[in-house]
Amino acid sequence: MSFVNIGFGNIVNSNKIVSMITSDSAPAKRIVAGAKESGKIIDATQGRRTRCVIICDDNVVLSALMPDTIASRINGNPSKEDV
């Protein structure tokens, strides 16, 4: 298993990630609303603005980090936030 930090000490199994999208679009909002209704949402924003919707095999995770920041962490390239 490989894990990635999605902000504020929260970690996700990177092998389970299907997609990461920004939360601004209407389809992303529909995905989040559907996950809330079915009880398959995990809010890891710590009360901050949601910037990334992480779609996993069996649930949806909300993160306050941008998708490109999380992608660089998965790929092993440190971003300026990591330093």
PDB file of N, CA and C in Angstrom:
ATOM      1  N   MET A   1       0.828  -1.184   0.000  1.00  0.00           N
ATOM      2  CA  MET A   1       0.000   0.000   0.000  1.00  0.00           C
ATOM      3  C   MET A   1       0.873   1.248   0.000  1.00  0.00           C
ATOM      4  N   SER A   2       0.371   2.260  -0.642  1.00  0.00           N
ATOM      5  CA  SER A   2       1.058   3.538  -0.720  1.00  0.00           C
ATOM      6  C   SER A   2       0.076   4.618  -0.265  1.00  0.00           C
ATOM      7  N   PHE A   3       0.509   5.472   0.648  1.00  0.00           N
ATOM      8  CA  PHE A   3      -0.355   6.511   1.184  1.00  0.00           C
ATOM      9  C   PHE A   3       0.131   7.884   0.763  1.00  0.00           C
ATOM     10  N   VAL A   4      -0.812   8.843   0.699  1.00  0.00           N
ATOM     11  CA  VAL A   4      -0.477  10.217   0.353  1.00  0.00           C
ATOM     12  C   VAL A   4      -1.179  11.144   1.345  1.00  0.00           C
ATOM     13  N   ASN A   5      -0.460  12.172   1.773  1.00  0.00           N
ATOM     14  CA  ASN A   5      -1.003  13.168   2.684  1.00  0.00           C
ATOM     15  C   ASN A   5      -1.876  14.125   1.875  1.00  0.00           C
ATOM     16  N   ILE A   6      -3.147  14.259   2.289  1.00  0.00           N
ATOM     17  CA  ILE A   6      -4.064  15.147   1.578  1.00  0.00           C
ATOM     18  C   ILE A   6      -4.324  16.429   2.361  1.00  0.00           C
ATOM     19  N   GLY A   7      -3.482  16.683   3.345  1.00  0.00           N
ATOM     20  CA  GLY A   7      -3.571  17.919   4.108  1.00  0.00           C
ATOM     21  C   GLY A   7      -4.022  17.720   5.535  1.00  0.00           C
ATOM     22  N   PHE A   8      -3.421  18.493   6.447  1.00  0.00           N
ATOM     23  CA  PHE A   8      -3.781  18.531   7.854  1.00  0.00           C
ATOM     24  C   PHE A   8      -3.661  17.170   8.529  1.00  0.00           C
ATOM     25  N   GLY A   9      -2.671  16.387   8.121  1.00  0.00           N
ATOM     26  CA  GLY A   9      -2.419  15.088   8.732  1.00  0.00           C
ATOM     27  C   GLY A   9      -3.341  13.978   8.264  1.00  0.00           C
ATOM     28  N   ASN A  10      -4.157  14.231   7.267  1.00  0.00           N
ATOM     29  CA  ASN A  10      -5.064  13.218   6.728  1.00  0.00           C
ATOM     30  C   ASN A  10      -4.370  12.469   5.594  1.00  0.00           C
ATOM     31  N   ILE A  11      -4.549  11.161   5.575  1.00  0.00           N
ATOM     32  CA  ILE A  11      -3.838  10.310   4.619  1.00  0.00           C
ATOM     33  C   ILE A  11      -4.841   9.423   3.882  1.00  0.00           C
ATOM     34  N   VAL A  12      -4.596   9.221   2.584  1.00  0.00           N
ATOM     35  CA  VAL A  12      -5.440   8.375   1.748  1.00  0.00           C
ATOM     36  C   VAL A  12      -4.562   7.344   1.053  1.00  0.00           C
ATOM     37  N   ASN A  13      -5.099   6.148   0.871  1.00  0.00           N
ATOM     38  CA  ASN A  13      -4.407   5.110   0.120  1.00  0.00           C
ATOM     39  C   ASN A  13      -4.397   5.522  -1.355  1.00  0.00           C
ATOM     40  N   SER A  14      -3.236   5.824  -1.880  1.00  0.00           N
ATOM     41  CA  SER A  14      -3.152   6.323  -3.260  1.00  0.00           C
ATOM     42  C   SER A  14      -3.497   5.251  -4.295  1.00  0.00           C
ATOM     43  N   ASN A  15      -3.444   3.983  -3.911  1.00  0.00           N
ATOM     44  CA  ASN A  15      -3.825   2.915  -4.838  1.00  0.00           C
ATOM     45  C   ASN A  15      -5.332   2.854  -5.062  1.00  0.00           C
ATOM     46  N   LYS A  16      -6.114   3.451  -4.184  1.00  0.00           N
ATOM     47  CA  LYS A  16      -7.583   3.439  -4.285  1.00  0.00           C
ATOM     48  C   LYS A  16      -8.131   4.655  -5.022  1.00  0.00           C
ATOM     49  N   ILE A  17      -7.276   5.639  -5.327  1.00  0.00           N
ATOM     50  CA  ILE A  17      -7.735   6.863  -5.983  1.00  0.00           C
ATOM     51  C   ILE A  17      -8.026   6.590  -7.453  1.00  0.00           C
ATOM     52  N   VAL A  18      -9.233   6.954  -7.868  1.00  0.00           N
ATOM     53  CA  VAL A  18      -9.635   6.811  -9.264  1.00  0.00           C
ATOM     54  C   VAL A  18      -9.420   8.131  -9.999  1.00  0.00           C
ATOM     55  N   SER A  19      -9.798   9.236  -9.340  1.00  0.00           N
ATOM     56  CA  SER A  19      -9.699  10.544  -9.981  1.00  0.00           C
ATOM     57  C   SER A  19      -9.648  11.638  -8.925  1.00  0.00           C
ATOM     58  N   MET A  20      -9.051  12.771  -9.297  1.00  0.00           N
ATOM     59  CA  MET A  20      -9.054  13.960  -8.451  1.00  0.00           C
ATOM     60  C   MET A  20      -9.498  15.125  -9.318  1.00  0.00           C
ATOM     61  N   ILE A  21     -10.532  15.835  -8.872  1.00  0.00           N
ATOM     62  CA  ILE A  21     -11.061  16.954  -9.647  1.00  0.00           C
ATOM     63  C   ILE A  21     -11.239  18.168  -8.741  1.00  0.00           C
ATOM     64  N   THR A  22     -11.254  19.360  -9.337  1.00  0.00           N
ATOM     65  CA  THR A  22     -11.522  20.566  -8.563  1.00  0.00           C
ATOM     66  C   THR A  22     -13.001  20.586  -8.197  1.00  0.00           C
ATOM     67  N   SER A  23     -13.303  21.280  -7.132  1.00  0.00           N
ATOM     68  CA  SER A  23     -14.667  21.268  -6.611  1.00  0.00           C
ATOM     69  C   SER A  23     -15.564  22.341  -7.223  1.00  0.00           C
ATOM     70  N   ASP A  24     -15.058  23.099  -8.171  1.00  0.00           N
ATOM     71  CA  ASP A  24     -15.799  24.235  -8.706  1.00  0.00           C
ATOM     72  C   ASP A  24     -16.883  23.876  -9.715  1.00  0.00           C
ATOM     73  N   SER A  25     -16.749  22.771 -10.411  1.00  0.00           N
ATOM     74  CA  SER A  25     -17.670  22.453 -11.498  1.00  0.00           C
ATOM     75  C   SER A  25     -18.992  21.884 -10.984  1.00  0.00           C
ATOM     76  N   ALA A  26     -20.014  21.996 -11.799  1.00  0.00           N
ATOM     77  CA  ALA A  26     -21.331  21.458 -11.450  1.00  0.00           C
ATOM     78  C   ALA A  26     -21.299  19.927 -11.315  1.00  0.00           C
ATOM     79  N   PRO A  27     -20.604  19.195 -12.211  1.00  0.00           N
ATOM     80  CA  PRO A  27     -20.545  17.736 -12.027  1.00  0.00           C
ATOM     81  C   PRO A  27     -19.886  17.330 -10.705  1.00  0.00           C
ATOM     82  N   ALA A  28     -18.857  18.070 -10.284  1.00  0.00           N
ATOM     83  CA  ALA A  28     -18.205  17.766  -9.001  1.00  0.00           C
ATOM     84  C   ALA A  28     -19.180  17.995  -7.854  1.00  0.00           C
ATOM     85  N   LYS A  29     -19.959  19.036  -7.939  1.00  0.00           N
ATOM     86  CA  LYS A  29     -20.951  19.313  -6.894  1.00  0.00           C
ATOM     87  C   LYS A  29     -22.022  18.230  -6.852  1.00  0.00           C
ATOM     88  N   ARG A  30     -22.404  17.703  -8.016  1.00  0.00           N
ATOM     89  CA  ARG A  30     -23.375  16.600  -8.053  1.00  0.00           C
ATOM     90  C   ARG A  30     -22.794  15.331  -7.441  1.00  0.00           C
ATOM     91  N   ILE A  31     -21.513  15.062  -7.714  1.00  0.00           N
ATOM     92  CA  ILE A  31     -20.846  13.894  -7.136  1.00  0.00           C
ATOM     93  C   ILE A  31     -20.816  14.002  -5.615  1.00  0.00           C
ATOM     94  N   VAL A  32     -20.474  15.187  -5.116  1.00  0.00           N
ATOM     95  CA  VAL A  32     -20.413  15.404  -3.667  1.00  0.00           C
ATOM     96  C   VAL A  32     -21.802  15.251  -3.049  1.00  0.00           C
ATOM     97  N   ALA A  33     -22.806  15.837  -3.674  1.00  0.00           N
ATOM     98  CA  ALA A  33     -24.171  15.740  -3.147  1.00  0.00           C
ATOM     99  C   ALA A  33     -24.650  14.285  -3.117  1.00  0.00           C
ATOM    100  N   GLY A  34     -24.352  13.534  -4.173  1.00  0.00           N
ATOM    101  CA  GLY A  34     -24.735  12.125  -4.206  1.00  0.00           C
ATOM    102  C   GLY A  34     -24.030  11.298  -3.150  1.00  0.00           C
ATOM    103  N   ALA A  35     -22.764  11.601  -2.921  1.00  0.00           N
ATOM    104  CA  ALA A  35     -22.003  10.882  -1.897  1.00  0.00           C
ATOM    105  C   ALA A  35     -22.518  11.210  -0.500  1.00  0.00           C
ATOM    106  N   LYS A  36     -22.932  12.453  -0.288  1.00  0.00           N
ATOM    107  CA  LYS A  36     -23.494  12.832   1.014  1.00  0.00           C
ATOM    108  C   LYS A  36     -24.793  12.077   1.272  1.00  0.00           C
ATOM    109  N   GLU A  37     -25.637  11.976   0.245  1.00  0.00           N
ATOM    110  CA  GLU A  37     -26.913  11.274   0.391  1.00  0.00           C
ATOM    111  C   GLU A  37     -26.711   9.801   0.717  1.00  0.00           C
ATOM    112  N   SER A  38     -25.712   9.189   0.098  1.00  0.00           N
ATOM    113  CA  SER A  38     -25.482   7.758   0.308  1.00  0.00           C
ATOM    114  C   SER A  38     -24.555   7.478   1.494  1.00  0.00           C
ATOM    115  N   GLY A  39     -24.047   8.518   2.143  1.00  0.00           N
ATOM    116  CA  GLY A  39     -23.187   8.340   3.307  1.00  0.00           C
ATOM    117  C   GLY A  39     -21.795   7.853   2.966  1.00  0.00           C
ATOM    118  N   LYS A  40     -21.326   8.144   1.763  1.00  0.00           N
ATOM    119  CA  LYS A  40     -20.001   7.689   1.328  1.00  0.00           C
ATOM    120  C   LYS A  40     -19.036   8.844   1.131  1.00  0.00           C
ATOM    121  N   ILE A  41     -19.160   9.866   1.961  1.00  0.00           N
ATOM    122  CA  ILE A  41     -18.280  11.021   1.829  1.00  0.00           C
ATOM    123  C   ILE A  41     -17.415  11.150   3.086  1.00  0.00           C
ATOM    124  N   ILE A  42     -16.171  11.549   2.879  1.00  0.00           N
ATOM    125  CA  ILE A  42     -15.242  11.805   3.977  1.00  0.00           C
ATOM    126  C   ILE A  42     -14.740  13.233   3.806  1.00  0.00           C
ATOM    127  N   ASP A  43     -15.025  14.077   4.792  1.00  0.00           N
ATOM    128  CA  ASP A  43     -14.625  15.473   4.737  1.00  0.00           C
ATOM    129  C   ASP A  43     -13.313  15.645   5.494  1.00  0.00           C
ATOM    130  N   ALA A  44     -12.225  15.858   4.767  1.00  0.00           N
ATOM    131  CA  ALA A  44     -10.901  16.028   5.365  1.00  0.00           C
ATOM    132  C   ALA A  44     -10.409  17.463   5.206  1.00  0.00           C
ATOM    133  N   THR A  45     -11.336  18.415   5.130  1.00  0.00           N
ATOM    134  CA  THR A  45     -10.962  19.812   4.912  1.00  0.00           C
ATOM    135  C   THR A  45     -10.658  20.562   6.198  1.00  0.00           C
ATOM    136  N   GLN A  46     -10.995  20.005   7.349  1.00  0.00           N
ATOM    137  CA  GLN A  46     -10.800  20.657   8.642  1.00  0.00           C
ATOM    138  C   GLN A  46     -11.489  22.018   8.682  1.00  0.00           C
ATOM    139  N   GLY A  47     -12.655  22.118   8.067  1.00  0.00           N
ATOM    140  CA  GLY A  47     -13.432  23.355   8.083  1.00  0.00           C
ATOM    141  C   GLY A  47     -13.023  24.382   7.055  1.00  0.00           C
ATOM    142  N   ARG A  48     -12.058  24.069   6.239  1.00  0.00           N
ATOM    143  CA  ARG A  48     -11.603  25.022   5.214  1.00  0.00           C
ATOM    144  C   ARG A  48     -12.346  24.778   3.909  1.00  0.00           C
ATOM    145  N   ARG A  49     -12.083  25.627   2.937  1.00  0.00           N
ATOM    146  CA  ARG A  49     -12.734  25.540   1.630  1.00  0.00           C
ATOM    147  C   ARG A  49     -12.307  24.264   0.915  1.00  0.00           C
ATOM    148  N   THR A  50     -13.268  23.553   0.336  1.00  0.00           N
ATOM    149  CA  THR A  50     -12.966  22.345  -0.436  1.00  0.00           C
ATOM    150  C   THR A  50     -12.392  22.755  -1.784  1.00  0.00           C
ATOM    151  N   ARG A  51     -11.193  22.264  -2.092  1.00  0.00           N
ATOM    152  CA  ARG A  51     -10.551  22.572  -3.371  1.00  0.00           C
ATOM    153  C   ARG A  51     -10.384  21.345  -4.241  1.00  0.00           C
ATOM    154  N   CYS A  52     -10.469  20.155  -3.635  1.00  0.00           N
ATOM    155  CA  CYS A  52     -10.265  18.933  -4.396  1.00  0.00           C
ATOM    156  C   CYS A  52     -11.273  17.874  -3.960  1.00  0.00           C
ATOM    157  N   VAL A  53     -11.879  17.235  -4.944  1.00  0.00           N
ATOM    158  CA  VAL A  53     -12.760  16.100  -4.699  1.00  0.00           C
ATOM    159  C   VAL A  53     -12.001  14.867  -5.179  1.00  0.00           C
ATOM    160  N   ILE A  54     -11.689  13.976  -4.239  1.00  0.00           N
ATOM    161  CA  ILE A  54     -10.933  12.770  -4.547  1.00  0.00           C
ATOM    162  C   ILE A  54     -11.927  11.618  -4.634  1.00  0.00           C
ATOM    163  N   ILE A  55     -12.047  11.048  -5.817  1.00  0.00           N
ATOM    164  CA  ILE A  55     -12.969   9.944  -6.036  1.00  0.00           C
ATOM    165  C   ILE A  55     -12.183   8.649  -5.895  1.00  0.00           C
ATOM    166  N   CYS A  56     -12.573   7.860  -4.907  1.00  0.00           N
ATOM    167  CA  CYS A  56     -11.904   6.590  -4.632  1.00  0.00           C
ATOM    168  C   CYS A  56     -12.806   5.436  -5.063  1.00  0.00           C
ATOM    169  N   ASP A  57     -12.305   4.209  -4.896  1.00  0.00           N
ATOM    170  CA  ASP A  57     -13.062   3.026  -5.281  1.00  0.00           C
ATOM    171  C   ASP A  57     -14.426   2.963  -4.609  1.00  0.00           C
ATOM    172  N   ASP A  58     -14.488   3.265  -3.314  1.00  0.00           N
ATOM    173  CA  ASP A  58     -15.725   3.051  -2.578  1.00  0.00           C
ATOM    174  C   ASP A  58     -16.266   4.287  -1.867  1.00  0.00           C
ATOM    175  N   ASN A  59     -15.599   5.448  -1.976  1.00  0.00           N
ATOM    176  CA  ASN A  59     -16.090   6.660  -1.331  1.00  0.00           C
ATOM    177  C   ASN A  59     -15.529   7.898  -2.019  1.00  0.00           C
ATOM    178  N   VAL A  60     -15.926   9.062  -1.501  1.00  0.00           N
ATOM    179  CA  VAL A  60     -15.475  10.350  -2.021  1.00  0.00           C
ATOM    180  C   VAL A  60     -14.847  11.112  -0.856  1.00  0.00           C
ATOM    181  N   VAL A  61     -13.653  11.658  -1.083  1.00  0.00           N
ATOM    182  CA  VAL A  61     -12.921  12.375  -0.044  1.00  0.00           C
ATOM    183  C   VAL A  61     -12.773  13.832  -0.474  1.00  0.00           C
ATOM    184  N   LEU A  62     -13.048  14.749   0.454  1.00  0.00           N
ATOM    185  CA  LEU A  62     -12.888  16.175   0.191  1.00  0.00           C
ATOM    186  C   LEU A  62     -11.597  16.653   0.840  1.00  0.00           C
ATOM    187  N   SER A  63     -10.828  17.454   0.109  1.00  0.00           N
ATOM    188  CA  SER A  63      -9.563  17.971   0.616  1.00  0.00           C
ATOM    189  C   SER A  63      -9.478  19.467   0.379  1.00  0.00           C
ATOM    190  N   ALA A  64      -8.743  20.166   1.246  1.00  0.00           N
ATOM    191  CA  ALA A  64      -8.537  21.602   1.100  1.00  0.00           C
ATOM    192  C   ALA A  64      -7.335  21.913   0.221  1.00  0.00           C
ATOM    193  N   LEU A  65      -6.604  20.897  -0.227  1.00  0.00           N
ATOM    194  CA  LEU A  65      -5.458  21.107  -1.112  1.00  0.00           C
ATOM    195  C   LEU A  65      -5.897  21.024  -2.566  1.00  0.00           C
ATOM    196  N   MET A  66      -5.115  21.659  -3.441  1.00  0.00           N
ATOM    197  CA  MET A  66      -5.392  21.600  -4.877  1.00  0.00           C
ATOM    198  C   MET A  66      -5.029  20.215  -5.419  1.00  0.00           C
ATOM    199  N   PRO A  67      -5.722  19.758  -6.466  1.00  0.00           N
ATOM    200  CA  PRO A  67      -5.416  18.442  -7.038  1.00  0.00           C
ATOM    201  C   PRO A  67      -3.968  18.308  -7.511  1.00  0.00           C
ATOM    202  N   ASP A  68      -3.389  19.371  -8.071  1.00  0.00           N
ATOM    203  CA  ASP A  68      -2.013  19.274  -8.545  1.00  0.00           C
ATOM    204  C   ASP A  68      -1.019  19.114  -7.400  1.00  0.00           C
ATOM    205  N   THR A  69      -1.326  19.673  -6.236  1.00  0.00           N
ATOM    206  CA  THR A  69      -0.467  19.497  -5.066  1.00  0.00           C
ATOM    207  C   THR A  69      -0.475  18.039  -4.618  1.00  0.00           C
ATOM    208  N   ILE A  70      -1.661  17.450  -4.568  1.00  0.00           N
ATOM    209  CA  ILE A  70      -1.775  16.050  -4.158  1.00  0.00           C
ATOM    210  C   ILE A  70      -1.129  15.142  -5.199  1.00  0.00           C
ATOM    211  N   ALA A  71      -1.314  15.455  -6.480  1.00  0.00           N
ATOM    212  CA  ALA A  71      -0.706  14.649  -7.540  1.00  0.00           C
ATOM    213  C   ALA A  71       0.818  14.690  -7.453  1.00  0.00           C
ATOM    214  N   SER A  72       1.383  15.856  -7.147  1.00  0.00           N
ATOM    215  CA  SER A  72       2.838  15.930  -7.027  1.00  0.00           C
ATOM    216  C   SER A  72       3.327  15.133  -5.823  1.00  0.00           C
ATOM    217  N   ARG A  73       2.540  15.069  -4.768  1.00  0.00           N
ATOM    218  CA  ARG A  73       2.907  14.254  -3.612  1.00  0.00           C
ATOM    219  C   ARG A  73       2.854  12.767  -3.963  1.00  0.00           C
ATOM    220  N   ILE A  74       1.885  12.372  -4.754  1.00  0.00           N
ATOM    221  CA  ILE A  74       1.793  10.967  -5.182  1.00  0.00           C
ATOM    222  C   ILE A  74       2.987  10.604  -6.048  1.00  0.00           C
ATOM    223  N   ASN A  75       3.375  11.508  -6.927  1.00  0.00           N
ATOM    224  CA  ASN A  75       4.477  11.257  -7.842  1.00  0.00           C
ATOM    225  C   ASN A  75       5.851  11.436  -7.194  1.00  0.00           C
ATOM    226  N   GLY A  76       5.885  11.909  -5.957  1.00  0.00           N
ATOM    227  CA  GLY A  76       7.141  12.063  -5.243  1.00  0.00           C
ATOM    228  C   GLY A  76       7.865  13.354  -5.508  1.00  0.00           C
ATOM    229  N   ASN A  77       7.202  14.312  -6.148  1.00  0.00           N
ATOM    230  CA  ASN A  77       7.796  15.621  -6.411  1.00  0.00           C
ATOM    231  C   ASN A  77       7.316  16.587  -5.347  1.00  0.00           C
ATOM    232  N   PRO A  78       8.190  17.050  -4.462  1.00  0.00           N
ATOM    233  CA  PRO A  78       7.743  17.964  -3.411  1.00  0.00           C
ATOM    234  C   PRO A  78       7.326  19.315  -3.984  1.00  0.00           C
ATOM    235  N   SER A  79       6.222  19.842  -3.487  1.00  0.00           N
ATOM    236  CA  SER A  79       5.804  21.171  -3.901  1.00  0.00           C
ATOM    237  C   SER A  79       6.293  22.189  -2.894  1.00  0.00           C
ATOM    238  N   LYS A  80       6.104  23.457  -3.165  1.00  0.00           N
ATOM    239  CA  LYS A  80       6.571  24.484  -2.239  1.00  0.00           C
ATOM    240  C   LYS A  80       5.817  24.439  -0.913  1.00  0.00           C
ATOM    241  N   GLU A  81       4.608  23.847  -0.893  1.00  0.00           N
ATOM    242  CA  GLU A  81       3.860  23.689   0.361  1.00  0.00           C
ATOM    243  C   GLU A  81       4.480  22.624   1.242  1.00  0.00           C
ATOM    244  N   ASP A  82       5.177  21.660   0.653  1.00  0.00           N
ATOM    245  CA  ASP A  82       5.757  20.556   1.399  1.00  0.00           C
ATOM    246  C   ASP A  82       7.067  20.926   2.082  1.00  0.00           C
ATOM    247  N   VAL A  83       7.711  21.986   1.604  1.00  0.00           N
ATOM    248  CA  VAL A  83       9.027  22.345   2.122  1.00  0.00           C
ATOM    249  C   VAL A  83       8.912  23.151   3.389  1.00  0.00           C
TER     250      VAL A  83
END
